[in-house]
C-alpha atoms as a PDB file:
ATOM      1  CA  MET A   1       4.610 -49.412  16.403  1.00  0.00           C
ATOM      2  CA  GLU A   2       3.386 -51.986  19.069  1.00  0.00           C
ATOM      3  CA  TYR A   3       4.268 -55.714  18.678  1.00  0.00           C
ATOM      4  CA  GLU A   4       0.611 -56.894  18.772  1.00  0.00           C
ATOM      5  CA  GLU A   5      -0.160 -54.537  15.936  1.00  0.00           C
ATOM      6  CA  PHE A   6       2.500 -55.932  14.168  1.00  0.00           C
ATOM      7  CA  GLU A   7       1.553 -59.463  14.795  1.00  0.00           C
ATOM      8  CA  LYS A   8      -2.350 -58.391  13.190  1.00  0.00           C
ATOM      9  CA  ALA A   9      -0.917 -57.243  10.369  1.00  0.00           C
ATOM     10  CA  VAL A  10       1.031 -60.080   9.841  1.00  0.00           C
ATOM     11  CA  ASP A  11      -1.560 -62.405  10.448  1.00  0.00           C
ATOM     12  CA  PHE A  12      -3.941 -60.256   8.029  1.00  0.00           C
ATOM     13  CA  PHE A  13      -1.789 -60.918   5.091  1.00  0.00           C
ATOM     14  CA  GLY A  14      -1.011 -64.723   6.236  1.00  0.00           C
ATOM     15  CA  ILE A  15       2.593 -64.454   6.412  1.00  0.00           C
ATOM     16  CA  LEU A  16       4.269 -67.753   7.519  1.00  0.00           C
ATOM     17  CA  THR A  17       7.754 -66.884   7.092  1.00  0.00           C
ATOM     18  CA  ASN A  18      10.146 -64.657   5.024  1.00  0.00           C
ATOM     19  CA  THR A  19       8.711 -62.368   2.224  1.00  0.00           C
ATOM     20  CA  SER A  20       9.723 -59.766   0.074  1.00  0.00           C
ATOM     21  CA  LYS A  21       8.369 -56.048  -0.449  1.00  0.00           C
ATOM     22  CA  LYS A  22       7.349 -57.305  -4.143  1.00  0.00           C
ATOM     23  CA  ASP A  23       4.917 -60.456  -2.883  1.00  0.00           C
ATOM     24  CA  LEU A  24       3.510 -58.157   0.178  1.00  0.00           C
ATOM     25  CA  LYS A  25       2.297 -55.826  -2.653  1.00  0.00           C
ATOM     26  CA  LYS A  26       0.930 -59.051  -4.758  1.00  0.00           C
ATOM     27  CA  LYS A  27      -0.858 -60.283  -1.312  1.00  0.00           C
ATOM     28  CA  TYR A  28      -1.755 -56.568  -1.127  1.00  0.00           C
ATOM     29  CA  LEU A  29      -3.570 -56.263  -4.588  1.00  0.00           C
ATOM     30  CA  LYS A  30      -5.014 -59.633  -4.181  1.00  0.00           C
ATOM     31  CA  LEU A  31      -6.665 -58.955  -1.176  1.00  0.00           C
ATOM     32  CA  SER A  32      -7.500 -55.106  -2.049  1.00  0.00           C
ATOM     33  CA  LYS A  33      -9.462 -56.818  -5.092  1.00  0.00           C
ATOM     34  CA  LYS A  34     -11.058 -58.863  -2.472  1.00  0.00           C
ATOM     35  CA  TYR A  35     -11.977 -56.612   0.155  1.00  0.00           C
ATOM     36  CA  HIS A  36     -12.630 -53.359  -2.059  1.00  0.00           C
ATOM     37  CA  PRO A  37     -16.371 -52.099  -0.823  1.00  0.00           C
ATOM     38  CA  ASP A  38     -17.790 -52.548  -4.256  1.00  0.00           C
ATOM     39  CA  MET A  39     -16.909 -56.086  -4.186  1.00  0.00           C
ATOM     40  CA  PRO A  40     -19.571 -58.443  -2.893  1.00  0.00           C
ATOM     41  CA  GLU A  41     -17.284 -59.730   0.327  1.00  0.00           C
ATOM     42  CA  GLY A  42     -15.810 -56.008   0.561  1.00  0.00           C
ATOM     43  CA  SER A  43     -16.364 -53.613   3.076  1.00  0.00           C
ATOM     44  CA  GLU A  44     -15.240 -49.865   3.941  1.00  0.00           C
ATOM     45  CA  GLU A  45     -13.651 -51.449   7.289  1.00  0.00           C
ATOM     46  CA  LYS A  46     -12.164 -54.449   6.109  1.00  0.00           C
ATOM     47  CA  PHE A  47     -10.456 -52.126   3.358  1.00  0.00           C
ATOM     48  CA  LYS A  48      -9.283 -49.516   5.461  1.00  0.00           C
ATOM     49  CA  GLU A  49      -7.681 -52.402   7.909  1.00  0.00           C
ATOM     50  CA  LEU A  50      -5.988 -54.017   4.986  1.00  0.00           C
ATOM     51  CA  GLN A  51      -4.488 -50.697   3.731  1.00  0.00           C
ATOM     52  CA  ASP A  52      -3.641 -50.075   7.422  1.00  0.00           C
ATOM     53  CA  ASN A  53      -2.074 -53.056   7.813  1.00  0.00           C
ATOM     54  CA  TYR A  54       0.204 -52.874   4.714  1.00  0.00           C
ATOM     55  CA  GLU A  55       1.042 -49.018   5.640  1.00  0.00           C
ATOM     56  CA  LEU A  56       2.325 -50.847   8.686  1.00  0.00           C
ATOM     57  CA  LEU A  57       4.473 -53.670   7.342  1.00  0.00           C
ATOM     58  CA  ASN A  58       5.600 -51.334   4.248  1.00  0.00           C
ATOM     59  CA  ARG A  59       7.121 -48.944   7.227  1.00  0.00           C
ATOM     60  CA  TYR A  60       8.449 -52.038   8.938  1.00  0.00           C
ATOM     61  CA  MET A  61      10.332 -53.243   6.097  1.00  0.00           C
ATOM     62  CA  ASP A  62      11.660 -49.985   4.944  1.00  0.00           C
ATOM     63  CA  SER A  63      13.282 -49.476   8.295  1.00  0.00           C
ATOM     64  CA  PHE A  64      14.802 -53.104   8.543  1.00  0.00           C
ATOM     65  CA  ALA A  65      18.325 -52.761   8.968  1.00  0.00           C
ATOM     66  CA  TYR A  66      20.447 -55.831   7.097  1.00  0.00           C
ATOM     67  CA  SER A  67      23.501 -57.521   8.193  1.00  0.00           C
ATOM     68  CA  PHE A  68      26.148 -57.726   5.854  1.00  0.00           C
ATOM     69  CA  ASP A  69      28.097 -60.605   6.975  1.00  0.00           C
ATOM     70  CA  GLU A  70      28.677 -63.923   5.643  1.00  0.00           C
ATOM     71  CA  GLU A  71      26.150 -65.563   7.488  1.00  0.00           C
ATOM     72  CA  GLU A  72      23.239 -63.308   6.815  1.00  0.00           C
ATOM     73  CA  PHE A  73      24.338 -63.666   2.995  1.00  0.00           C
ATOM     74  CA  LYS A  74      24.127 -67.506   3.565  1.00  0.00           C
ATOM     75  CA  THR A  75      20.379 -67.219   4.725  1.00  0.00           C
ATOM     76  CA  GLN A  76      19.271 -64.576   2.235  1.00  0.00           C
ATOM     77  CA  PHE A  77      20.729 -66.364  -0.597  1.00  0.00           C
ATOM     78  CA  PRO A  78      21.409 -70.075   0.211  1.00  0.00           C
ATOM     79  CA  SER A  79      21.432 -70.908  -3.197  1.00  0.00           C
ATOM     80  CA  PHE A  80      24.814 -69.207  -3.814  1.00  0.00           C
ATOM     81  CA  THR A  81      26.356 -71.129  -1.008  1.00  0.00           C
ATOM     82  CA  ASN A  82      26.110 -74.425  -2.868  1.00  0.00           C
ATOM     83  CA  TYR A  83      29.245 -73.401  -5.425  1.00  0.00           C
ATOM     84  CA  LYS A  84      33.017 -74.462  -4.335  1.00  0.00           C
ATOM     85  CA  ASN A  85      34.528 -71.391  -4.567  1.00  0.00           C
ATOM     86  CA  TRP A  86      31.814 -68.582  -4.081  1.00  0.00           C
ATOM     87  CA  ARG A  87      34.129 -66.645  -1.846  1.00  0.00           C
END
C-alpha cells in the first residue's frame, strides 16, 4: 500500500479525523447506494473505486497496532479521564 493510495481513499470517504470501522461501514453503505451502477449518479467505475478504497481502509484498520499505555487510553477515551479516581 502506498501513502498516496491511502490518502486518496481517506479523501474519497471524506474522513477528516479519527473514525471507527463501524462509522466507515456506514459511510460505505451510504456511498454504495449513491454510486451503484443502477442509480442516477452511479457508474461501474465509481462503484469499483468505492469498493477498492473501502477494502484498502479496512486492511489498514485491521493491521493497526494499538498502544496500551495510559496516554493512548486517554486519547481514545477522553471522557474516562474526567473521573477523579479513574486509576
